[in-house]
Amino acid sequence: MDTFLQQFQHLKIQLEDIIAATDNFNDDNCIGRGGFGNVYKGELSHSKGRSMVAIKRLDRRHGQGIPEFLKEITTLSSYSQENLISLLGFCYQGDEMILVYDYASRGSLDRYLNSPHLTWLQRLKICLDAAEGLRYLHDPRGAHQRLIHCDVKSANILLDDNWNGKVSDFGFINNGSRKRAAIGYCHHGSRYPWVL
């Protein structure tokens, strides 16, 4: 564990800073409740500067332990592309396991699908943005290992201030091989085969 923490020291964020940014995890700053814990917003200094961020406070009762937490940090820290939500940092202090991500101020695409305010050109651009993010994850020709997103849906496409689409929630995905079908296991335990 100490070796791991040293390797990712540049991403480490102190718990005190996260508590200050979220006003002690105040419900007023809670922007989502998910299968692995609550997500809060707050302004925080991180590996890329200082900005508004999304802070996922993991709850061990929902099935994510230390190995999954470390795997998510390892995986997410090595994938950077403009159409992916980036991992900006993490906190592992005491019983707290916290991940810090880019903040997408407009939330998820599913909130806007029936909105008359979202034009068809905006919708097309968001689709293309999501496709670029998925291409980056799935393409074996890049400098990174191919990853298969097992839960592509409008709730996992987040939107920033400028309506740019960003793929999220790809930390628990499966490695794909060039020479065989990749089997993906989604969060809900469903099994879906993809031939790549």
Protein backbone atom coordinates (compact mmCIF):
# COMPACT_ATOMS: atom_id res chain seq x y z
CA MET A 1 0.00 0.00 0.00
CA ASP A 2 2.82 2.44 0.84
CA THR A 3 4.45 1.84 -2.56
CA PHE A 4 1.15 2.52 -4.27
CA LEU A 5 0.62 5.75 -2.35
CA GLN A 6 4.14 6.91 -3.23
CA GLN A 7 3.56 6.17 -6.92
CA PHE A 8 0.43 8.33 -6.95
CA GLN A 9 1.58 10.95 -4.43
CA HIS A 10 1.00 13.71 -7.02
CA LEU A 11 -2.74 12.90 -6.94
CA LYS A 12 -3.13 12.77 -3.17
CA ILE A 13 -5.46 15.33 -1.58
CA GLN A 14 -5.72 15.85 2.15
CA LEU A 15 -9.00 14.96 3.86
CA GLU A 16 -9.06 18.34 5.60
CA ASP A 17 -9.10 20.09 2.20
CA ILE A 18 -11.98 17.90 1.00
CA ILE A 19 -13.95 18.50 4.20
CA ALA A 20 -13.46 22.26 3.76
CA ALA A 21 -14.47 22.12 0.06
CA THR A 22 -17.69 20.20 0.79
CA ASP A 23 -18.51 22.03 4.03
CA ASN A 24 -18.07 18.74 5.92
CA PHE A 25 -20.02 16.76 3.29
CA ASN A 26 -23.02 19.02 3.68
CA ASP A 27 -26.16 17.78 1.91
CA ASP A 28 -26.42 21.18 0.17
CA ASN A 29 -23.27 20.21 -1.77
CA CYS A 30 -24.44 16.68 -2.61
CA ILE A 31 -24.98 16.42 -6.38
CA GLY A 32 -25.60 12.69 -6.63
CA ARG A 33 -26.14 9.47 -4.80
CA GLY A 34 -24.90 6.34 -6.49
CA GLY A 35 -24.24 2.68 -6.01
CA PHE A 36 -20.84 3.30 -4.44
CA GLY A 37 -21.56 6.39 -2.36
CA ASN A 38 -22.42 10.08 -2.55
CA VAL A 39 -20.95 12.70 -4.89
CA TYR A 40 -20.38 16.27 -3.71
CA LYS A 41 -19.24 19.43 -5.43
CA GLY A 42 -16.66 21.81 -4.09
CA GLU A 43 -13.77 24.05 -5.08
CA LEU A 44 -10.44 22.38 -4.46
CA SER A 45 -6.74 22.49 -5.36
CA HIS A 46 -5.68 19.35 -7.22
CA SER A 47 -3.09 17.94 -9.63
CA LYS A 48 -4.14 20.33 -12.44
CA GLY A 49 -4.68 23.51 -10.43
CA ARG A 50 -7.73 24.77 -8.57
CA SER A 51 -11.29 24.41 -9.80
CA MET A 52 -14.78 23.20 -9.01
CA VAL A 53 -14.63 19.40 -8.71
CA ALA A 54 -16.86 16.39 -8.14
CA ILE A 55 -15.92 14.48 -4.99
CA LYS A 56 -17.06 10.86 -4.78
CA ARG A 57 -17.08 9.65 -1.17
CA LEU A 58 -17.09 5.87 -1.36
CA ASP A 59 -19.15 3.79 1.01
CA ARG A 60 -17.63 0.38 1.75
CA ARG A 61 -21.07 -1.03 2.54
CA HIS A 62 -21.85 -0.86 -1.18
CA GLY A 63 -19.19 -3.34 -2.24
CA GLN A 64 -16.13 -1.26 -3.01
CA GLY A 65 -13.14 -2.15 -0.88
CA ILE A 66 -9.51 -1.13 -0.94
CA PRO A 67 -8.53 -3.30 -3.97
CA GLU A 68 -11.29 -1.79 -6.13
CA PHE A 69 -10.43 1.71 -4.93
CA LEU A 70 -6.75 1.26 -5.83
CA LYS A 71 -7.65 -0.27 -9.20
CA GLU A 72 -9.86 2.69 -10.03
CA ILE A 73 -7.06 5.15 -9.21
CA THR A 74 -4.58 3.16 -11.29
CA THR A 75 -6.95 2.87 -14.24
CA LEU A 76 -8.40 6.36 -14.28
CA SER A 77 -5.09 8.15 -13.75
CA SER A 78 -3.69 6.72 -16.98
CA TYR A 79 -6.55 7.77 -19.28
CA SER A 80 -6.77 11.39 -20.30
CA GLN A 81 -8.83 12.68 -23.20
CA GLU A 82 -11.03 15.76 -23.56
CA ASN A 83 -14.22 13.68 -23.81
CA LEU A 84 -13.59 11.66 -20.64
CA ILE A 85 -14.19 12.74 -17.06
CA SER A 86 -10.69 12.84 -15.57
CA LEU A 87 -9.52 11.71 -12.17
CA LEU A 88 -7.89 14.74 -10.54
CA GLY A 89 -6.99 13.23 -7.20
CA PHE A 90 -7.87 10.93 -4.35
CA CYS A 91 -7.87 10.74 -0.58
CA TYR A 92 -7.22 7.63 1.48
CA GLN A 93 -7.12 8.58 5.15
CA GLY A 94 -8.48 6.51 8.01
CA ASP A 95 -11.69 4.90 6.78
CA GLU A 96 -12.21 7.47 4.03
CA MET A 97 -11.81 6.49 0.37
CA ILE A 98 -12.53 9.51 -1.85
CA LEU A 99 -12.05 10.13 -5.57
CA VAL A 100 -11.90 13.64 -7.06
CA TYR A 101 -13.02 14.16 -10.67
CA ASP A 102 -13.65 16.90 -13.21
CA TYR A 103 -16.88 18.71 -12.43
CA ALA A 104 -19.51 18.71 -15.18
CA SER A 105 -21.69 21.67 -14.24
CA ARG A 106 -24.71 20.72 -16.34
CA GLY A 107 -24.95 17.18 -14.97
CA SER A 108 -25.88 14.14 -17.00
CA LEU A 109 -27.35 14.01 -20.49
CA ASP A 110 -30.41 12.02 -19.38
CA ARG A 111 -31.75 15.17 -17.68
CA TYR A 112 -31.91 16.99 -21.03
CA LEU A 113 -33.11 14.38 -23.53
CA ASN A 114 -36.70 15.65 -23.45
CA SER A 115 -35.74 19.30 -23.14
CA PRO A 116 -36.87 21.65 -25.92
CA HIS A 117 -33.89 23.87 -25.06
CA LEU A 118 -31.33 21.37 -26.37
CA THR A 119 -31.03 21.86 -30.13
CA TRP A 120 -30.46 19.06 -32.60
CA LEU A 121 -27.00 20.45 -33.36
CA GLN A 122 -26.14 20.35 -29.65
CA ARG A 123 -27.46 16.79 -29.44
CA LEU A 124 -25.34 15.74 -32.41
CA LYS A 125 -22.23 17.36 -30.93
CA ILE A 126 -22.80 15.58 -27.60
CA CYS A 127 -23.17 12.26 -29.46
CA LEU A 128 -19.92 12.88 -31.33
CA ASP A 129 -18.16 13.87 -28.10
CA ALA A 130 -19.30 10.65 -26.41
CA ALA A 131 -18.26 8.61 -29.45
CA GLU A 132 -14.77 10.17 -29.34
CA GLY A 133 -14.44 9.35 -25.64
CA LEU A 134 -15.54 5.76 -26.22
CA ARG A 135 -13.25 5.42 -29.24
CA TYR A 136 -10.33 6.48 -27.06
CA LEU A 137 -11.19 3.87 -24.42
CA HIS A 138 -11.89 1.05 -26.88
CA ASP A 139 -9.12 1.69 -29.44
CA PRO A 140 -6.22 -0.75 -28.99
CA ARG A 141 -3.85 1.31 -31.14
CA GLY A 142 -3.27 4.04 -28.57
CA ALA A 143 -0.51 4.16 -25.99
CA HIS A 144 -2.92 2.85 -23.39
CA GLN A 145 -4.56 -0.51 -22.83
CA ARG A 146 -8.00 -0.96 -24.37
CA LEU A 147 -10.86 -0.61 -21.89
CA ILE A 148 -14.45 -1.59 -22.51
CA HIS A 149 -17.09 0.64 -20.96
CA CYS A 150 -19.77 -1.73 -19.69
CA ASP A 151 -22.42 0.81 -18.81
CA VAL A 152 -22.86 3.27 -21.67
CA LYS A 153 -26.06 5.25 -21.11
CA SER A 154 -27.18 8.87 -21.11
CA ALA A 155 -26.77 9.07 -17.32
CA ASN A 156 -23.03 8.38 -17.80
CA ILE A 157 -22.52 11.15 -20.36
CA LEU A 158 -21.86 14.35 -18.41
CA LEU A 159 -22.06 17.90 -19.76
CA ASP A 160 -19.83 20.85 -18.95
CA ASP A 161 -20.65 24.58 -19.14
CA ASN A 162 -20.23 24.55 -22.93
CA TRP A 163 -22.41 21.45 -23.48
CA ASN A 164 -19.38 19.27 -24.23
CA GLY A 165 -20.13 15.59 -23.66
CA LYS A 166 -17.78 13.63 -21.39
CA VAL A 167 -17.93 9.89 -20.77
CA SER A 168 -17.96 9.01 -17.07
CA ASP A 169 -18.24 6.02 -14.78
CA PHE A 170 -15.69 3.89 -16.62
CA GLY A 171 -13.54 2.95 -13.63
CA PHE A 172 -15.06 -0.50 -13.24
CA ILE A 173 -14.61 -1.70 -16.77
CA ASN A 174 -12.84 -4.62 -18.31
CA ASN A 175 -9.66 -4.92 -20.28
CA GLY A 176 -10.19 -5.99 -23.86
CA SER A 177 -7.96 -8.26 -25.88
CA ARG A 178 -7.34 -7.85 -29.61
CA LYS A 179 -7.62 -11.56 -30.37
CA ARG A 180 -10.72 -12.66 -28.53
CA ALA A 181 -14.19 -11.56 -27.61
CA ALA A 182 -14.15 -9.41 -24.52
CA ILE A 183 -16.71 -10.20 -21.87
CA GLY A 184 -17.87 -7.23 -19.85
CA TYR A 185 -19.48 -7.43 -16.44
CA CYS A 186 -21.55 -4.41 -15.59
CA HIS A 187 -22.20 -3.01 -12.13
CA HIS A 188 -25.44 -4.93 -11.85
CA GLY A 189 -23.81 -8.29 -12.53
CA SER A 190 -25.24 -8.62 -16.03
CA ARG A 191 -23.02 -10.24 -18.63
CA TYR A 192 -22.69 -8.82 -22.13
CA PRO A 193 -20.32 -10.19 -24.81
CA TRP A 194 -18.70 -7.88 -27.33
CA VAL A 195 -16.61 -9.07 -30.23
CA LEU A 196 -13.90 -6.51 -30.91
